[in-house]
């Protein structure tokens, strides 16, 4: 079995190669280690290899890991799963990013509940780019209006867009979906006075090359770093 450090290096090599192929600077692409279902010990191993940003889907599981790794103050915690209104205070108090915003109400609660003295919480609007009934996120045509509603929140900063395209899409369609998300971000930039709109959270272990080619700035990698999720391996 390869170590997490080796997997991180392999991922970094893929990112560099994809960025070079796309004519981009690899420094403009961040790796977010998606660690849901994985124990805190594995995250500690990844942190020891230099990884600082971790993505979690489940709030309670994330809070347990945040506590277990509280001796590592430089870690950055990203919520990438759905967020219900009754859980916003916990997220506002403990996370640095939320990638799954699909309602103005949730964003307003996060802003109001962000503790004084903490930097603003970074937000991405989740877009249901394939219009899948089982997926969270807003329809593409709803993005500009929601972005406008989120602008000006004191405790939060709207940073960009996130999407999880259908993994069954063939590579050309993957590229098309990522291109659509990049186009949506460009549209939002034209309509909202916000210099912080710099983020495209898109691309995972199987499609990171396509995502980088279309402008991804945050890649959410789990399997490539930690192996199958625990329930997938059983």
C-alpha atoms as a PDB file:
ATOM      1  CA  UNK A   1       0.000   0.000   0.000  1.00  0.00           C
ATOM      2  CA  UNK A   2       1.208   3.490  -0.822  1.00  0.00           C
ATOM      3  CA  UNK A   3       1.368   6.080   1.940  1.00  0.00           C
ATOM      4  CA  UNK A   4      -0.783   9.189   2.050  1.00  0.00           C
ATOM      5  CA  UNK A   5       2.361  11.261   1.488  1.00  0.00           C
ATOM      6  CA  UNK A   6       3.040   9.320  -1.706  1.00  0.00           C
ATOM      7  CA  UNK A   7      -0.544   9.781  -2.829  1.00  0.00           C
ATOM      8  CA  UNK A   8      -0.299  13.516  -2.210  1.00  0.00           C
ATOM      9  CA  UNK A   9       2.840  13.677  -4.329  1.00  0.00           C
ATOM     10  CA  UNK A  10       1.158  11.705  -7.130  1.00  0.00           C
ATOM     11  CA  UNK A  11      -1.793  14.082  -7.026  1.00  0.00           C
ATOM     12  CA  UNK A  12       0.546  17.074  -7.118  1.00  0.00           C
ATOM     13  CA  UNK A  13       2.258  15.605 -10.164  1.00  0.00           C
ATOM     14  CA  UNK A  14      -1.100  15.159 -11.927  1.00  0.00           C
ATOM     15  CA  UNK A  15      -2.042  18.733 -11.082  1.00  0.00           C
ATOM     16  CA  UNK A  16       1.252  20.116 -12.386  1.00  0.00           C
ATOM     17  CA  UNK A  17       0.981  18.121 -15.603  1.00  0.00           C
ATOM     18  CA  UNK A  18      -2.640  19.131 -16.192  1.00  0.00           C
ATOM     19  CA  UNK A  19      -1.878  22.775 -15.478  1.00  0.00           C
ATOM     20  CA  UNK A  20       1.075  22.746 -17.863  1.00  0.00           C
ATOM     21  CA  UNK A  21      -1.090  21.145 -20.566  1.00  0.00           C
ATOM     22  CA  UNK A  22      -3.703  23.865 -20.038  1.00  0.00           C
ATOM     23  CA  UNK A  23      -1.148  26.660 -20.030  1.00  0.00           C
ATOM     24  CA  UNK A  24      -1.872  27.498 -16.415  1.00  0.00           C
ATOM     25  CA  UNK A  25       0.265  28.052 -13.338  1.00  0.00           C
ATOM     26  CA  UNK A  26      -0.212  25.064 -11.010  1.00  0.00           C
ATOM     27  CA  UNK A  27       0.086  27.465  -8.066  1.00  0.00           C
ATOM     28  CA  UNK A  28      -3.399  28.682  -8.982  1.00  0.00           C
ATOM     29  CA  UNK A  29      -4.929  25.266  -8.218  1.00  0.00           C
ATOM     30  CA  UNK A  30      -5.470  24.233  -4.592  1.00  0.00           C
ATOM     31  CA  UNK A  31      -5.866  20.645  -3.440  1.00  0.00           C
ATOM     32  CA  UNK A  32      -8.662  20.073  -0.936  1.00  0.00           C
ATOM     33  CA  UNK A  33      -8.320  16.678   0.768  1.00  0.00           C
ATOM     34  CA  UNK A  34     -11.808  15.210   1.115  1.00  0.00           C
ATOM     35  CA  UNK A  35     -11.614  13.184   4.291  1.00  0.00           C
ATOM     36  CA  UNK A  36     -15.185  12.080   5.024  1.00  0.00           C
ATOM     37  CA  UNK A  37     -15.414   8.652   6.734  1.00  0.00           C
ATOM     38  CA  UNK A  38     -11.643   8.694   7.309  1.00  0.00           C
ATOM     39  CA  UNK A  39     -10.214   8.784  10.844  1.00  0.00           C
ATOM     40  CA  UNK A  40      -8.412  11.782  12.264  1.00  0.00           C
ATOM     41  CA  UNK A  41      -5.193   9.759  12.280  1.00  0.00           C
ATOM     42  CA  UNK A  42      -5.191   9.726   8.471  1.00  0.00           C
ATOM     43  CA  UNK A  43      -5.734  13.476   8.363  1.00  0.00           C
ATOM     44  CA  UNK A  44      -2.840  13.905  10.784  1.00  0.00           C
ATOM     45  CA  UNK A  45      -0.662  11.848   8.452  1.00  0.00           C
ATOM     46  CA  UNK A  46      -1.682  14.036   5.525  1.00  0.00           C
ATOM     47  CA  UNK A  47      -0.983  17.175   7.559  1.00  0.00           C
ATOM     48  CA  UNK A  48       2.454  15.794   8.357  1.00  0.00           C
ATOM     49  CA  UNK A  49       3.069  15.613   4.613  1.00  0.00           C
ATOM     50  CA  UNK A  50       2.133  19.263   4.196  1.00  0.00           C
ATOM     51  CA  UNK A  51      -1.617  19.130   3.476  1.00  0.00           C
ATOM     52  CA  UNK A  52      -3.531  21.867   5.285  1.00  0.00           C
ATOM     53  CA  UNK A  53      -7.009  22.071   3.681  1.00  0.00           C
ATOM     54  CA  UNK A  54      -9.560  19.353   4.455  1.00  0.00           C
ATOM     55  CA  UNK A  55     -13.116  18.911   3.161  1.00  0.00           C
ATOM     56  CA  UNK A  56     -15.863  17.245   5.159  1.00  0.00           C
ATOM     57  CA  UNK A  57     -19.454  16.368   4.260  1.00  0.00           C
ATOM     58  CA  UNK A  58     -20.880  15.708   7.709  1.00  0.00           C
ATOM     59  CA  UNK A  59     -20.780  18.398  10.368  1.00  0.00           C
ATOM     60  CA  UNK A  60     -20.656  16.189  13.468  1.00  0.00           C
ATOM     61  CA  UNK A  61     -17.896  14.018  12.017  1.00  0.00           C
ATOM     62  CA  UNK A  62     -15.962  17.141  11.086  1.00  0.00           C
ATOM     63  CA  UNK A  63     -16.304  18.666  14.563  1.00  0.00           C
ATOM     64  CA  UNK A  64     -14.856  15.520  16.110  1.00  0.00           C
ATOM     65  CA  UNK A  65     -11.852  15.724  13.798  1.00  0.00           C
ATOM     66  CA  UNK A  66     -11.410  19.448  14.403  1.00  0.00           C
ATOM     67  CA  UNK A  67     -11.232  18.720  18.124  1.00  0.00           C
ATOM     68  CA  UNK A  68      -8.889  15.749  17.679  1.00  0.00           C
ATOM     69  CA  UNK A  69      -6.519  17.856  15.560  1.00  0.00           C
ATOM     70  CA  UNK A  70      -6.798  21.079  17.554  1.00  0.00           C
ATOM     71  CA  UNK A  71      -3.059  20.940  18.226  1.00  0.00           C
ATOM     72  CA  UNK A  72      -2.523  21.673  14.511  1.00  0.00           C
ATOM     73  CA  UNK A  73      -3.685  25.302  14.334  1.00  0.00           C
ATOM     74  CA  UNK A  74      -2.906  25.881  10.648  1.00  0.00           C
ATOM     75  CA  UNK A  75      -5.499  23.455   9.290  1.00  0.00           C
ATOM     76  CA  UNK A  76      -8.290  24.860   7.139  1.00  0.00           C
ATOM     77  CA  UNK A  77     -11.738  23.245   7.295  1.00  0.00           C
ATOM     78  CA  UNK A  78     -14.163  23.220   4.358  1.00  0.00           C
ATOM     79  CA  UNK A  79     -17.769  22.031   4.521  1.00  0.00           C
ATOM     80  CA  UNK A  80     -18.643  20.491   1.160  1.00  0.00           C
ATOM     81  CA  UNK A  81     -21.872  18.706   2.120  1.00  0.00           C
ATOM     82  CA  UNK A  82     -25.434  20.010   2.517  1.00  0.00           C
ATOM     83  CA  UNK A  83     -26.084  22.478   5.307  1.00  0.00           C
ATOM     84  CA  UNK A  84     -29.392  22.758   7.144  1.00  0.00           C
ATOM     85  CA  UNK A  85     -30.484  25.983   8.796  1.00  0.00           C
ATOM     86  CA  UNK A  86     -30.384  24.469  12.292  1.00  0.00           C
ATOM     87  CA  UNK A  87     -26.682  23.638  11.943  1.00  0.00           C
ATOM     88  CA  UNK A  88     -25.406  27.009  10.772  1.00  0.00           C
ATOM     89  CA  UNK A  89     -24.053  28.172  14.142  1.00  0.00           C
ATOM     90  CA  UNK A  90     -21.730  25.186  14.460  1.00  0.00           C
ATOM     91  CA  UNK A  91     -20.422  25.787  10.958  1.00  0.00           C
ATOM     92  CA  UNK A  92     -20.043  29.540  11.474  1.00  0.00           C
ATOM     93  CA  UNK A  93     -17.978  28.910  14.604  1.00  0.00           C
ATOM     94  CA  UNK A  94     -15.660  26.176  13.311  1.00  0.00           C
ATOM     95  CA  UNK A  95     -15.210  26.249   9.534  1.00  0.00           C
ATOM     96  CA  UNK A  96     -13.279  28.442   7.120  1.00  0.00           C
ATOM     97  CA  UNK A  97     -15.206  27.628   3.923  1.00  0.00           C
ATOM     98  CA  UNK A  98     -18.675  26.397   2.925  1.00  0.00           C
ATOM     99  CA  UNK A  99     -18.938  25.122  -0.659  1.00  0.00           C
ATOM    100  CA  UNK A 100     -22.603  24.106  -0.599  1.00  0.00           C
ATOM    101  CA  UNK A 101     -24.650  27.304  -0.319  1.00  0.00           C
ATOM    102  CA  UNK A 102     -27.979  27.018  -2.136  1.00  0.00           C
ATOM    103  CA  UNK A 103     -30.195  29.412  -0.128  1.00  0.00           C
ATOM    104  CA  UNK A 104     -29.808  33.033   0.884  1.00  0.00           C
ATOM    105  CA  UNK A 105     -31.362  32.239   4.263  1.00  0.00           C
ATOM    106  CA  UNK A 106     -28.523  29.872   5.164  1.00  0.00           C
ATOM    107  CA  UNK A 107     -25.879  32.385   4.115  1.00  0.00           C
ATOM    108  CA  UNK A 108     -27.493  35.151   6.162  1.00  0.00           C
ATOM    109  CA  UNK A 109     -27.565  32.927   9.253  1.00  0.00           C
ATOM    110  CA  UNK A 110     -23.891  32.050   8.776  1.00  0.00           C
ATOM    111  CA  UNK A 111     -23.038  35.733   8.493  1.00  0.00           C
ATOM    112  CA  UNK A 112     -25.008  36.662  11.610  1.00  0.00           C
ATOM    113  CA  UNK A 113     -23.538  33.784  13.631  1.00  0.00           C
ATOM    114  CA  UNK A 114     -19.897  34.215  12.598  1.00  0.00           C
ATOM    115  CA  UNK A 115     -18.089  35.091  15.850  1.00  0.00           C
ATOM    116  CA  UNK A 116     -16.501  38.516  16.173  1.00  0.00           C
ATOM    117  CA  UNK A 117     -12.764  38.399  15.656  1.00  0.00           C
ATOM    118  CA  UNK A 118     -12.889  35.583  13.108  1.00  0.00           C
ATOM    119  CA  UNK A 119     -12.165  36.281   9.462  1.00  0.00           C
ATOM    120  CA  UNK A 120     -15.246  36.239   7.198  1.00  0.00           C
ATOM    121  CA  UNK A 121     -16.484  32.780   6.251  1.00  0.00           C
ATOM    122  CA  UNK A 122     -15.748  31.987   2.598  1.00  0.00           C
ATOM    123  CA  UNK A 123     -18.793  30.824   0.616  1.00  0.00           C
ATOM    124  CA  UNK A 124     -19.338  29.076  -2.703  1.00  0.00           C
ATOM    125  CA  UNK A 125     -22.734  28.691  -4.337  1.00  0.00           C
ATOM    126  CA  UNK A 126     -23.404  25.055  -5.240  1.00  0.00           C
ATOM    127  CA  UNK A 127     -24.737  24.705  -8.774  1.00  0.00           C
ATOM    128  CA  UNK A 128     -26.675  21.659  -9.943  1.00  0.00           C
ATOM    129  CA  UNK A 129     -24.951  21.842 -13.298  1.00  0.00           C
ATOM    130  CA  UNK A 130     -26.533  18.639 -14.686  1.00  0.00           C
ATOM    131  CA  UNK A 131     -30.011  19.344 -13.257  1.00  0.00           C
ATOM    132  CA  UNK A 132     -29.959  16.027 -11.384  1.00  0.00           C
ATOM    133  CA  UNK A 133     -33.002  15.521  -9.093  1.00  0.00           C
ATOM    134  CA  UNK A 134     -30.860  13.764  -6.476  1.00  0.00           C
ATOM    135  CA  UNK A 135     -28.251  16.533  -6.266  1.00  0.00           C
ATOM    136  CA  UNK A 136     -28.259  19.641  -4.111  1.00  0.00           C
ATOM    137  CA  UNK A 137     -27.595  23.047  -5.566  1.00  0.00           C
ATOM    138  CA  UNK A 138     -29.374  25.765  -7.501  1.00  0.00           C
ATOM    139  CA  UNK A 139     -30.149  25.721 -11.203  1.00  0.00           C
ATOM    140  CA  UNK A 140     -27.691  27.700 -13.344  1.00  0.00           C
ATOM    141  CA  UNK A 141     -30.260  30.391 -14.111  1.00  0.00           C
ATOM    142  CA  UNK A 142     -30.718  31.026 -10.370  1.00  0.00           C
ATOM    143  CA  UNK A 143     -27.037  31.715  -9.718  1.00  0.00           C
ATOM    144  CA  UNK A 144     -26.889  35.470 -10.544  1.00  0.00           C
ATOM    145  CA  UNK A 145     -29.832  36.290  -8.300  1.00  0.00           C
ATOM    146  CA  UNK A 146     -28.477  34.286  -5.365  1.00  0.00           C
ATOM    147  CA  UNK A 147     -25.040  35.823  -5.813  1.00  0.00           C
ATOM    148  CA  UNK A 148     -26.590  39.277  -5.643  1.00  0.00           C
ATOM    149  CA  UNK A 149     -28.453  38.313  -2.454  1.00  0.00           C
ATOM    150  CA  UNK A 150     -25.228  37.102  -0.840  1.00  0.00           C
ATOM    151  CA  UNK A 151     -23.206  40.206  -1.644  1.00  0.00           C
ATOM    152  CA  UNK A 152     -22.593  42.545   1.244  1.00  0.00           C
ATOM    153  CA  UNK A 153     -22.885  40.000   4.073  1.00  0.00           C
ATOM    154  CA  UNK A 154     -20.577  41.219   6.819  1.00  0.00           C
ATOM    155  CA  UNK A 155     -19.644  37.846   8.280  1.00  0.00           C
ATOM    156  CA  UNK A 156     -19.161  36.049   4.961  1.00  0.00           C
ATOM    157  CA  UNK A 157     -17.454  36.519   1.618  1.00  0.00           C
ATOM    158  CA  UNK A 158     -18.863  35.078  -1.586  1.00  0.00           C
ATOM    159  CA  UNK A 159     -15.855  33.509  -3.286  1.00  0.00           C
ATOM    160  CA  UNK A 160     -17.295  31.606  -6.241  1.00  0.00           C
ATOM    161  CA  UNK A 161     -19.115  28.512  -7.432  1.00  0.00           C
ATOM    162  CA  UNK A 162     -19.027  24.780  -6.787  1.00  0.00           C
ATOM    163  CA  UNK A 163     -20.448  21.883  -8.783  1.00  0.00           C
ATOM    164  CA  UNK A 164     -20.426  18.088  -8.778  1.00  0.00           C
ATOM    165  CA  UNK A 165     -21.093  17.014 -12.370  1.00  0.00           C
ATOM    166  CA  UNK A 166     -22.595  13.599 -13.024  1.00  0.00           C
ATOM    167  CA  UNK A 167     -19.640  11.156 -12.835  1.00  0.00           C
ATOM    168  CA  UNK A 168     -21.248   9.083 -15.610  1.00  0.00           C
ATOM    169  CA  UNK A 169     -20.629  11.891 -18.096  1.00  0.00           C
ATOM    170  CA  UNK A 170     -18.075  11.034 -20.813  1.00  0.00           C
ATOM    171  CA  UNK A 171     -14.931  13.216 -20.829  1.00  0.00           C
ATOM    172  CA  UNK A 172     -16.175  15.676 -23.490  1.00  0.00           C
ATOM    173  CA  UNK A 173     -19.328  16.314 -21.454  1.00  0.00           C
ATOM    174  CA  UNK A 174     -17.237  16.699 -18.279  1.00  0.00           C
ATOM    175  CA  UNK A 175     -15.299  19.466 -20.002  1.00  0.00           C
ATOM    176  CA  UNK A 176     -18.545  21.054 -21.188  1.00  0.00           C
ATOM    177  CA  UNK A 177     -20.041  21.117 -17.685  1.00  0.00           C
ATOM    178  CA  UNK A 178     -16.896  22.608 -16.185  1.00  0.00           C
ATOM    179  CA  UNK A 179     -16.832  25.188 -18.981  1.00  0.00           C
ATOM    180  CA  UNK A 180     -20.444  26.096 -18.193  1.00  0.00           C
ATOM    181  CA  UNK A 181     -19.584  26.653 -14.528  1.00  0.00           C
ATOM    182  CA  UNK A 182     -16.652  28.879 -15.486  1.00  0.00           C
ATOM    183  CA  UNK A 183     -18.984  30.849 -17.748  1.00  0.00           C
ATOM    184  CA  UNK A 184     -21.449  31.266 -14.900  1.00  0.00           C
ATOM    185  CA  UNK A 185     -18.713  32.646 -12.659  1.00  0.00           C
ATOM    186  CA  UNK A 186     -17.767  35.142 -15.368  1.00  0.00           C
ATOM    187  CA  UNK A 187     -21.427  36.195 -15.584  1.00  0.00           C
ATOM    188  CA  UNK A 188     -21.623  36.658 -11.819  1.00  0.00           C
ATOM    189  CA  UNK A 189     -18.468  38.769 -11.859  1.00  0.00           C
ATOM    190  CA  UNK A 190     -20.065  41.098 -14.401  1.00  0.00           C
ATOM    191  CA  UNK A 191     -23.199  41.512 -12.306  1.00  0.00           C
ATOM    192  CA  UNK A 192     -21.790  41.726  -8.782  1.00  0.00           C
ATOM    193  CA  UNK A 193     -19.256  44.227  -7.467  1.00  0.00           C
ATOM    194  CA  UNK A 194     -17.060  41.757  -5.607  1.00  0.00           C
ATOM    195  CA  UNK A 195     -13.292  41.469  -6.046  1.00  0.00           C
ATOM    196  CA  UNK A 196     -13.259  38.194  -4.066  1.00  0.00           C
ATOM    197  CA  UNK A 197     -15.004  36.152  -6.796  1.00  0.00           C
ATOM    198  CA  UNK A 198     -12.028  34.019  -7.735  1.00  0.00           C
ATOM    199  CA  UNK A 199     -13.038  30.426  -6.971  1.00  0.00           C
ATOM    200  CA  UNK A 200     -14.205  27.477  -9.067  1.00  0.00           C
ATOM    201  CA  UNK A 201     -14.530  24.472  -6.769  1.00  0.00           C
ATOM    202  CA  UNK A 202     -14.785  21.659  -9.306  1.00  0.00           C
ATOM    203  CA  UNK A 203     -12.973  18.470 -10.175  1.00  0.00           C
ATOM    204  CA  UNK A 204     -12.376  15.287  -8.205  1.00  0.00           C
ATOM    205  CA  UNK A 205     -10.071  12.283  -8.360  1.00  0.00           C
ATOM    206  CA  UNK A 206     -11.379  10.992 -11.706  1.00  0.00           C
ATOM    207  CA  UNK A 207     -11.809  14.237 -13.612  1.00  0.00           C
ATOM    208  CA  UNK A 208      -9.258  16.705 -12.255  1.00  0.00           C
ATOM    209  CA  UNK A 209      -7.536  17.103 -15.632  1.00  0.00           C
ATOM    210  CA  UNK A 210     -10.763  18.226 -17.303  1.00  0.00           C
ATOM    211  CA  UNK A 211     -11.507  20.579 -14.405  1.00  0.00           C
ATOM    212  CA  UNK A 212      -8.076  22.206 -14.519  1.00  0.00           C
ATOM    213  CA  UNK A 213      -8.375  22.651 -18.279  1.00  0.00           C
ATOM    214  CA  UNK A 214     -11.551  24.675 -17.706  1.00  0.00           C
ATOM    215  CA  UNK A 215     -10.259  26.838 -14.874  1.00  0.00           C
ATOM    216  CA  UNK A 216     -10.695  24.975 -11.571  1.00  0.00           C
ATOM    217  CA  UNK A 217      -9.048  26.692  -8.611  1.00  0.00           C
ATOM    218  CA  UNK A 218      -9.991  24.121  -5.929  1.00  0.00           C
ATOM    219  CA  UNK A 219      -9.932  20.361  -6.572  1.00  0.00           C
ATOM    220  CA  UNK A 220     -11.763  18.104  -4.115  1.00  0.00           C
ATOM    221  CA  UNK A 221      -9.775  14.863  -3.958  1.00  0.00           C
ATOM    222  CA  UNK A 222     -10.643  11.974  -1.662  1.00  0.00           C
ATOM    223  CA  UNK A 223     -10.151   8.529  -3.192  1.00  0.00           C
ATOM    224  CA  UNK A 224      -6.852   9.494  -4.835  1.00  0.00           C
ATOM    225  CA  UNK A 225      -5.437  10.408  -1.428  1.00  0.00           C
ATOM    226  CA  UNK A 226      -7.126   8.183   1.134  1.00  0.00           C
ATOM    227  CA  UNK A 227      -8.469   5.270  -0.911  1.00  0.00           C
ATOM    228  CA  UNK A 228     -12.154   4.283  -1.123  1.00  0.00           C
ATOM    229  CA  UNK A 229     -14.491   5.639   1.515  1.00  0.00           C
ATOM    230  CA  UNK A 230     -14.896   3.194   4.352  1.00  0.00           C
ATOM    231  CA  UNK A 231     -18.408   2.188   3.362  1.00  0.00           C
ATOM    232  CA  UNK A 232     -17.253   1.649  -0.238  1.00  0.00           C
ATOM    233  CA  UNK A 233     -14.453  -0.646   0.854  1.00  0.00           C
ATOM    234  CA  UNK A 234     -16.721  -2.893   2.904  1.00  0.00           C
END
